[in-house]
Protein backbone atom coordinates (compact mmCIF):
# COMPACT_ATOMS: atom_id res chain seq x y z
CA MET A 1 -0.48 -29.67 2.34
CA LYS A 2 -2.82 -27.65 0.08
CA ASN A 3 -4.85 -29.23 -2.73
CA LYS A 4 -2.85 -29.75 -5.93
CA ASN A 5 -3.62 -30.83 -9.46
CA ILE A 6 -1.16 -33.42 -10.77
CA LEU A 7 -0.71 -34.09 -14.47
CA ILE A 8 1.06 -37.32 -15.44
CA TYR A 9 2.20 -37.47 -19.07
CA SER A 10 2.28 -41.19 -19.93
CA LEU A 11 0.94 -41.80 -23.41
CA LYS A 12 1.26 -45.57 -23.52
CA SER A 13 -0.11 -46.47 -20.09
CA TYR A 14 -3.80 -46.95 -20.97
CA ARG A 15 -3.48 -50.74 -21.11
CA LEU A 16 -2.67 -50.70 -17.43
CA PHE A 17 -6.01 -49.02 -16.69
CA ASN A 18 -7.98 -50.92 -19.30
CA ASP A 19 -6.79 -54.37 -20.43
CA GLU A 20 -8.82 -54.14 -23.60
CA SER A 21 -6.30 -51.68 -24.98
CA ARG A 22 -3.59 -53.07 -27.28
CA ILE A 23 -0.99 -50.37 -26.80
CA SER A 24 2.25 -51.99 -25.60
CA PHE A 25 3.93 -50.51 -22.55
CA GLY A 26 7.14 -50.91 -20.52
CA GLY A 27 8.39 -50.25 -17.00
CA ALA A 28 8.18 -46.48 -17.32
CA GLU A 29 4.44 -46.76 -17.90
CA VAL A 30 3.99 -49.16 -14.99
CA GLU A 31 5.80 -46.73 -12.69
CA SER A 32 3.63 -43.80 -13.87
CA PHE A 33 0.53 -45.91 -13.41
CA LEU A 34 1.43 -46.80 -9.82
CA ILE A 35 2.35 -43.27 -8.92
CA ALA A 36 -0.95 -41.99 -10.34
CA LYS A 37 -2.94 -44.56 -8.33
CA GLU A 38 -1.03 -43.97 -5.12
CA LEU A 39 -1.31 -40.15 -5.32
CA ALA A 40 -5.04 -40.42 -6.20
CA LYS A 41 -5.69 -42.16 -2.90
CA ARG A 42 -4.94 -38.90 -1.11
CA LYS A 43 -7.73 -36.38 -0.85
CA ASN A 44 -5.54 -33.32 -1.48
CA PHE A 45 -4.41 -34.50 -4.93
CA LYS A 46 -6.43 -34.50 -8.12
CA VAL A 47 -4.60 -36.71 -10.64
CA LYS A 48 -4.96 -36.73 -14.38
CA VAL A 49 -3.09 -38.92 -16.91
CA LEU A 50 -2.65 -37.85 -20.54
CA LEU A 51 -2.84 -40.84 -22.86
CA ASN A 52 -2.63 -41.69 -26.56
CA LYS A 53 -6.00 -41.97 -28.29
CA ASP A 54 -7.16 -45.55 -28.13
CA LEU A 55 -10.35 -47.63 -28.25
CA LYS A 56 -13.37 -45.27 -27.90
CA ASN A 57 -11.11 -42.44 -26.64
CA LYS A 58 -13.62 -41.51 -23.98
CA ASN A 59 -12.37 -39.55 -21.04
CA GLU A 60 -12.98 -41.58 -17.88
CA ILE A 61 -12.14 -41.95 -14.20
CA ILE A 62 -10.55 -45.22 -13.01
CA GLU A 63 -9.40 -45.71 -9.41
CA ASN A 64 -9.80 -41.94 -8.79
CA VAL A 65 -7.46 -41.16 -11.70
CA LYS A 66 -8.92 -39.03 -14.52
CA LEU A 67 -7.84 -40.34 -17.92
CA GLU A 68 -7.77 -37.99 -20.87
CA HIS A 69 -6.80 -38.94 -24.43
CA ILE A 70 -4.62 -36.74 -26.64
CA SER A 71 -4.10 -36.82 -30.44
CA ASN A 72 -1.52 -39.24 -31.81
CA VAL A 73 1.36 -37.07 -33.09
CA PHE A 74 3.01 -39.95 -34.86
CA ASN A 75 0.45 -40.61 -37.59
CA GLN A 76 2.29 -41.71 -40.73
CA ASN A 77 0.48 -39.25 -43.01
CA PHE A 78 2.52 -36.00 -43.16
CA ILE A 79 -0.45 -33.62 -43.44
CA ILE A 80 -2.27 -35.37 -40.58
CA LYS A 81 0.89 -35.40 -38.55
CA ILE A 82 1.27 -31.59 -38.85
CA PHE A 83 -2.42 -31.10 -37.99
CA ASN A 84 -2.12 -33.45 -34.97
CA LEU A 85 1.07 -31.73 -33.82
CA ILE A 86 -0.74 -28.38 -33.69
CA LYS A 87 -3.68 -29.95 -31.86
CA PHE A 88 -1.28 -31.75 -29.57
CA ASN A 89 0.54 -28.54 -28.57
CA ILE A 90 -2.69 -26.64 -27.97
CA LYS A 91 -3.98 -29.43 -25.75
CA LEU A 92 -0.61 -29.69 -23.92
CA ILE A 93 -0.48 -25.96 -23.27
CA TYR A 94 -4.07 -25.99 -21.95
CA GLU A 95 -3.45 -28.97 -19.62
CA ILE A 96 -0.20 -27.54 -18.24
CA TYR A 97 -1.81 -24.17 -17.71
CA LYS A 98 -4.56 -25.81 -15.57
CA THR A 99 -2.31 -27.96 -13.45
CA ASP A 100 0.21 -27.43 -10.61
CA VAL A 101 2.73 -30.20 -11.16
CA ILE A 102 3.63 -32.23 -14.29
CA PHE A 103 5.27 -35.66 -13.95
CA GLN A 104 6.90 -37.34 -16.95
CA GLU A 105 9.05 -40.32 -17.66
CA MET A 106 10.62 -41.64 -20.92
CA ALA A 107 13.02 -39.75 -23.17
CA THR A 108 11.10 -38.00 -25.96
CA PHE A 109 10.99 -34.63 -27.70
CA GLU A 110 7.88 -33.86 -25.60
CA THR A 111 10.10 -33.60 -22.49
CA GLY A 112 11.47 -30.32 -23.88
CA LEU A 113 8.03 -29.02 -24.78
CA ILE A 114 6.58 -29.89 -21.40
CA THR A 115 9.45 -28.20 -19.56
CA PHE A 116 9.22 -25.07 -21.77
CA TYR A 117 5.45 -24.68 -21.24
CA SER A 118 5.84 -25.44 -17.53
CA LYS A 119 8.42 -22.70 -17.13
CA LEU A 120 6.25 -20.33 -19.15
CA PHE A 121 3.32 -20.86 -16.78
CA LYS A 122 5.44 -21.22 -13.64
CA LYS A 123 4.48 -24.85 -13.06
CA LYS A 124 6.60 -27.53 -11.46
CA ILE A 125 8.01 -30.25 -13.79
CA ILE A 126 9.40 -33.55 -12.42
CA TYR A 127 11.14 -35.87 -14.86
CA ARG A 128 11.94 -39.48 -13.84
CA ILE A 129 14.86 -41.11 -15.62
CA ALA A 130 13.66 -44.27 -17.39
CA SER A 131 16.96 -45.63 -18.74
CA ASP A 132 20.72 -45.06 -18.49
CA LYS A 133 20.59 -43.93 -22.15
CA ASP A 134 18.62 -40.86 -21.00
CA LEU A 135 21.86 -39.63 -19.41
CA ASN A 136 24.81 -41.16 -21.25
CA GLY A 137 24.29 -39.34 -24.58
CA VAL A 138 22.96 -42.37 -26.49
CA PHE A 139 19.46 -40.96 -26.91
CA LYS A 140 20.77 -37.66 -28.22
CA LYS A 141 23.09 -39.49 -30.65
CA GLU A 142 20.21 -41.65 -31.91
CA HIS A 143 17.66 -38.82 -32.14
CA LYS A 144 19.55 -35.56 -32.94
CA TYR A 145 16.75 -32.93 -32.83
CA SER A 146 14.54 -34.78 -30.42
CA GLY A 147 17.62 -35.35 -28.28
CA MET A 148 18.34 -31.62 -28.17
CA LEU A 149 14.78 -30.88 -26.98
CA PHE A 150 14.97 -33.69 -24.49
CA GLU A 151 18.28 -32.47 -23.06
CA TYR A 152 16.81 -28.95 -22.67
CA GLY A 153 13.94 -30.53 -20.80
CA ILE A 154 15.93 -32.45 -18.21
CA ARG A 155 18.41 -29.62 -17.66
CA ASN A 156 15.64 -27.24 -16.81
CA ALA A 157 13.23 -29.51 -14.99
CA ASN A 158 12.54 -28.70 -11.32
CA PHE A 159 13.56 -32.21 -10.30
CA LEU A 160 15.14 -35.25 -11.85
CA LEU A 161 14.37 -38.61 -10.24
CA ALA A 162 17.10 -41.20 -10.63
CA GLN A 163 16.50 -44.98 -10.25
CA SER A 164 20.02 -45.84 -9.09
CA ASN A 165 23.05 -44.28 -7.51
CA TYR A 166 24.85 -44.68 -10.87
CA GLN A 167 22.18 -42.54 -12.54
CA LEU A 168 22.13 -40.08 -9.65
CA GLN A 169 25.86 -39.29 -10.01
CA ILE A 170 25.40 -38.43 -13.72
CA ALA A 171 22.03 -36.64 -13.23
CA LYS A 172 23.54 -34.25 -10.65
CA LYS A 173 25.99 -33.02 -13.26
CA ILE A 174 23.05 -32.25 -15.58
CA ASN A 175 20.61 -30.86 -13.07
CA LYS A 176 21.60 -30.18 -9.41
CA ASN A 177 18.03 -30.92 -8.25
CA SER A 178 18.37 -34.64 -8.69
CA ILE A 179 17.25 -37.18 -6.11
CA LEU A 180 17.16 -40.97 -5.78
CA MET A 181 13.72 -42.50 -6.36
CA PRO A 182 13.88 -46.30 -6.78
CA SER A 183 11.35 -48.10 -8.98
CA SER A 184 8.37 -49.22 -6.94
CA LEU A 185 5.82 -52.05 -6.67
CA GLU A 186 2.66 -52.84 -4.77
CA ILE A 187 4.01 -55.47 -2.39
CA ASN A 188 2.03 -58.69 -1.87
CA LYS A 189 2.58 -61.49 0.62
CA LYS A 190 5.42 -63.83 -0.14
CA LYS A 191 4.39 -67.04 -2.02
CA ASN A 192 6.10 -70.41 -1.94
CA SER A 193 5.32 -71.79 -5.37
CA LYS A 194 6.67 -74.84 -7.09
CA PHE A 195 8.83 -73.95 -10.07
CA ASN A 196 10.03 -75.89 -13.12
CA LYS A 197 13.82 -76.12 -12.93
CA ASP A 198 13.97 -76.42 -16.72
CA GLN A 199 11.89 -73.31 -17.53
CA PHE A 200 13.34 -69.88 -18.15
CA LEU A 201 11.51 -66.62 -18.63
CA TRP A 202 12.30 -63.60 -20.88
CA ILE A 203 9.97 -60.51 -20.84
CA GLY A 204 10.44 -57.34 -22.89
CA ARG A 205 9.29 -55.27 -25.82
CA ILE A 206 10.68 -56.41 -29.18
CA VAL A 207 13.00 -53.51 -29.73
CA LYS A 208 16.69 -53.60 -30.52
CA VAL A 209 17.87 -52.34 -27.15
CA LYS A 210 16.33 -55.44 -25.41
CA GLN A 211 18.45 -57.74 -27.66
CA ILE A 212 15.88 -60.49 -27.87
CA GLU A 213 18.03 -62.19 -30.48
CA ILE A 214 20.38 -63.21 -27.66
CA ILE A 215 17.71 -65.20 -25.82
CA LEU A 216 16.93 -66.93 -29.09
CA LYS A 217 20.57 -67.88 -29.42
CA ILE A 218 20.60 -69.17 -25.84
CA ALA A 219 17.43 -71.25 -26.49
CA LYS A 220 19.06 -72.83 -29.54
CA GLU A 221 22.10 -73.84 -27.49
CA ASN A 222 20.03 -75.28 -24.65
CA GLN A 223 17.52 -77.51 -26.42
CA ASN A 224 16.74 -79.49 -23.26
CA LYS A 225 15.39 -76.33 -21.57
CA LYS A 226 12.05 -74.52 -22.06
CA PHE A 227 12.02 -70.80 -22.74
CA ILE A 228 8.90 -68.61 -22.25
CA ILE A 229 9.12 -65.34 -24.16
CA ILE A 230 6.60 -62.57 -23.56
CA GLY A 231 7.43 -59.90 -26.15
CA PRO A 232 4.88 -57.21 -27.08
CA TYR A 233 5.44 -54.87 -30.00
CA SER A 234 3.61 -51.80 -31.34
CA ILE A 235 4.62 -51.86 -35.01
CA LYS A 236 5.40 -54.97 -37.04
CA ASN A 237 8.54 -53.55 -38.66
CA ASN A 238 11.24 -55.59 -40.44
CA TYR A 239 13.12 -56.23 -37.22
CA VAL A 240 10.00 -57.58 -35.48
CA LYS A 241 9.12 -59.71 -38.52
CA LYS A 242 12.61 -61.23 -38.55
CA ILE A 243 12.46 -62.04 -34.84
CA LEU A 244 8.98 -63.62 -35.05
CA LYS A 245 10.05 -65.76 -37.98
CA GLU A 246 13.08 -66.98 -36.04
CA ILE A 247 10.99 -67.74 -32.91
CA ASN A 248 8.68 -69.95 -35.01
CA ASN A 249 11.66 -72.11 -35.93
CA ILE A 250 12.87 -72.75 -32.38
CA LYS A 251 10.90 -75.64 -30.86
CA ASN A 252 11.77 -75.05 -27.17
CA ILE A 253 10.34 -71.52 -27.18
CA LYS A 254 6.82 -70.66 -26.27
CA TYR A 255 5.99 -67.11 -27.39
CA PHE A 256 3.25 -64.74 -26.26
CA LYS A 257 2.79 -61.30 -27.66
CA TYR A 258 0.99 -60.20 -24.53
CA ILE A 259 -0.14 -61.68 -21.23
CA LYS A 260 -2.66 -59.92 -18.96
CA ARG A 261 -0.96 -58.49 -15.89
CA GLU A 262 -3.02 -60.64 -13.52
CA GLU A 263 -1.83 -63.72 -15.35
CA LEU A 264 1.88 -62.79 -15.46
CA ASN A 265 2.53 -63.99 -11.93
CA LYS A 266 2.07 -67.66 -12.85
CA TYR A 267 4.93 -67.39 -15.38
CA TYR A 268 7.14 -65.77 -12.76
CA GLU A 269 6.17 -68.43 -10.23
CA LYS A 270 6.74 -71.42 -12.50
CA SER A 271 10.10 -70.35 -13.93
CA THR A 272 13.53 -71.03 -12.44
CA TYR A 273 15.15 -67.74 -13.56
CA LEU A 274 14.24 -64.54 -15.39
CA ILE A 275 16.81 -63.72 -18.12
CA ASN A 276 17.62 -60.15 -19.02
CA THR A 277 19.60 -59.51 -22.24
CA SER A 278 19.14 -55.72 -22.58
CA LYS A 279 21.96 -53.52 -23.84
CA PHE A 280 20.81 -50.59 -21.58
CA GLU A 281 18.36 -50.46 -18.66
CA GLY A 282 17.28 -47.98 -16.03
CA PHE A 283 16.06 -50.37 -13.42
CA PRO A 284 14.26 -53.28 -15.14
CA TYR A 285 10.67 -53.45 -14.00
CA THR A 286 10.34 -57.09 -14.95
CA MET A 287 13.23 -57.77 -12.55
CA LEU A 288 11.27 -56.20 -9.66
CA GLU A 289 8.14 -58.16 -10.55
CA ALA A 290 10.27 -61.32 -10.67
CA PHE A 291 11.77 -60.55 -7.23
CA LEU A 292 8.27 -60.01 -5.85
CA ASN A 293 7.58 -63.62 -6.92
CA SER A 294 10.88 -64.81 -5.41
CA LEU A 295 12.28 -65.40 -8.92
CA PRO A 296 16.00 -64.62 -9.26
CA ILE A 297 17.63 -63.16 -12.37
CA ILE A 298 20.29 -64.03 -14.92
CA SER A 299 21.50 -60.71 -16.31
CA LEU A 300 23.77 -60.29 -19.33
CA ASN A 301 24.69 -56.59 -18.91
CA TYR A 302 22.60 -55.01 -16.16
CA ASN A 303 24.04 -54.79 -12.66
CA SER A 304 23.67 -51.12 -11.81
CA ASP A 305 25.02 -50.27 -8.33
CA GLN A 306 26.12 -53.93 -8.30
CA ILE A 307 22.72 -54.88 -6.79
CA ILE A 308 22.68 -58.39 -8.29
CA THR A 309 26.09 -59.32 -6.89
CA ASN A 310 25.93 -57.25 -3.67
CA TYR A 311 22.50 -58.50 -2.61
CA ASN A 312 22.88 -62.06 -4.04
CA LEU A 313 19.82 -61.82 -6.28
CA GLY A 314 20.94 -64.03 -9.14
CA TYR A 315 23.75 -64.37 -11.63
CA PHE A 316 25.57 -61.54 -13.44
CA ALA A 317 27.13 -62.79 -16.71
CA GLU A 318 29.49 -59.78 -17.18
CA GLY A 319 28.32 -59.29 -20.77
CA LYS A 320 29.20 -62.81 -21.91
CA VAL A 321 26.52 -65.07 -23.43
CA SER A 322 28.87 -68.05 -22.94
CA ASN A 323 28.67 -67.46 -19.15
CA ILE A 324 24.85 -67.65 -19.31
CA ASN A 325 24.98 -70.94 -21.19
CA HIS A 326 27.43 -72.39 -18.69
CA PHE A 327 25.28 -71.25 -15.75
CA ILE A 328 22.11 -72.75 -17.29
CA GLN A 329 23.84 -76.06 -18.00
CA ASN A 330 25.20 -76.31 -14.47
CA LEU A 331 22.27 -75.21 -12.31
CA ASN A 332 22.67 -75.33 -8.58
CA LEU A 333 19.22 -75.48 -6.99
CA GLU A 334 20.51 -74.83 -3.44
CA GLU A 335 22.11 -71.61 -4.71
CA ARG A 336 18.85 -70.78 -6.48
CA LYS A 337 16.99 -71.14 -3.12
CA ILE A 338 19.34 -68.56 -1.51
CA PHE A 339 18.84 -66.19 -4.42
CA SER A 340 15.08 -66.64 -4.26
CA ASP A 341 14.80 -65.75 -0.54
CA ASN A 342 16.99 -62.69 -1.02
CA CYS A 343 14.88 -61.45 -3.94
CA TYR A 344 11.68 -61.06 -1.98
CA SER A 345 13.38 -59.41 1.01
CA PHE A 346 15.17 -56.96 -1.31
CA VAL A 347 12.06 -55.77 -3.14
CA ASN A 348 10.01 -55.59 0.03
CA ASN A 349 12.58 -53.43 1.84
CA LYS A 350 13.62 -51.10 -0.94
CA HIS A 351 10.87 -50.87 -3.61
CA ASN A 352 7.54 -50.62 -1.79
CA ILE A 353 5.41 -47.92 -3.51
CA LYS A 354 3.81 -47.01 -0.15
CA ASN A 355 7.21 -45.95 1.20
CA ASN A 356 8.70 -44.52 -1.96
CA ILE A 357 5.69 -42.32 -2.84
CA LYS A 358 6.62 -40.14 0.13
CA LYS A 359 9.71 -38.93 -1.71
CA ILE A 360 7.52 -37.62 -4.54
CA ILE A 361 4.99 -36.04 -2.18
CA ASN A 362 7.82 -34.14 -0.48
CA ILE A 363 8.78 -32.35 -3.69
CA LEU A 364 5.32 -31.70 -5.16
């Protein structure tokens, strides 16, 4: 394969490269980070990641990945926002013109711009679906004009990467060049750690789609259990303030705004279940990280492709909070052991970045 320049557009992923950053990130950024690192290990790829301006905003190279910062379009001042938007487009055009392939994940108006400029300069654009709401019309309904740009972007991308068979079926109706690309992890050796049967873990950004208020309700109804909540946020808006105030009044919750990635594993290892309360998901990255640590899941709504029930990876509550409460109050540790063993096998067999990266290399 000839040498290629790869541009990965992942504005919020700097914290994964430099833990001093305070920009919050999610599973989409982790996936982009891992893809960047894995591609950069190969001599025929030069990988660059475009990031939001942060810290000293110096361009740097970390793990063979070139990091370049771009102006923040979302400054609150209108005049500065217009100025930054112009700068942003000039920079984006320049970077796309210089590269061969652009990779992007996360539904935004930039998806449409990136696709338009890529087509203009005959470059290849690959979009990876981050959430079911990218496809089911929810994003377009919530963000009318951005949604229109986004829809143009995914319809005209060279490839769409779906995280699940459910997503793939819908994606193929939007763009015939859609393929299955499961979320991936760097796989470590299996650990046999002692866990606290009374400790439950919730990890996610404090945004409405994650429905953190449900885990607060569950904690209130299970006072004899301990709940660890790791919930980063970017802007302390009214919703975040309300949630933080409520957390402070619930004694059996221990809250962290952020935990360093290398320290996260101990919370996965010590907990008895990860709880997911999201309204929509693509393929929850925290779930994969939990499985890597042999931690099963309790999921309120997410069970795409019926993976939780088909592979026996935990408990699916079928959208009912009362089911979660009943499950927590009647824990079966023998059942938990079965779930735990299945979790590590599942993630090792299906979500190893070293295997899955080949699918991306084949379409570059």
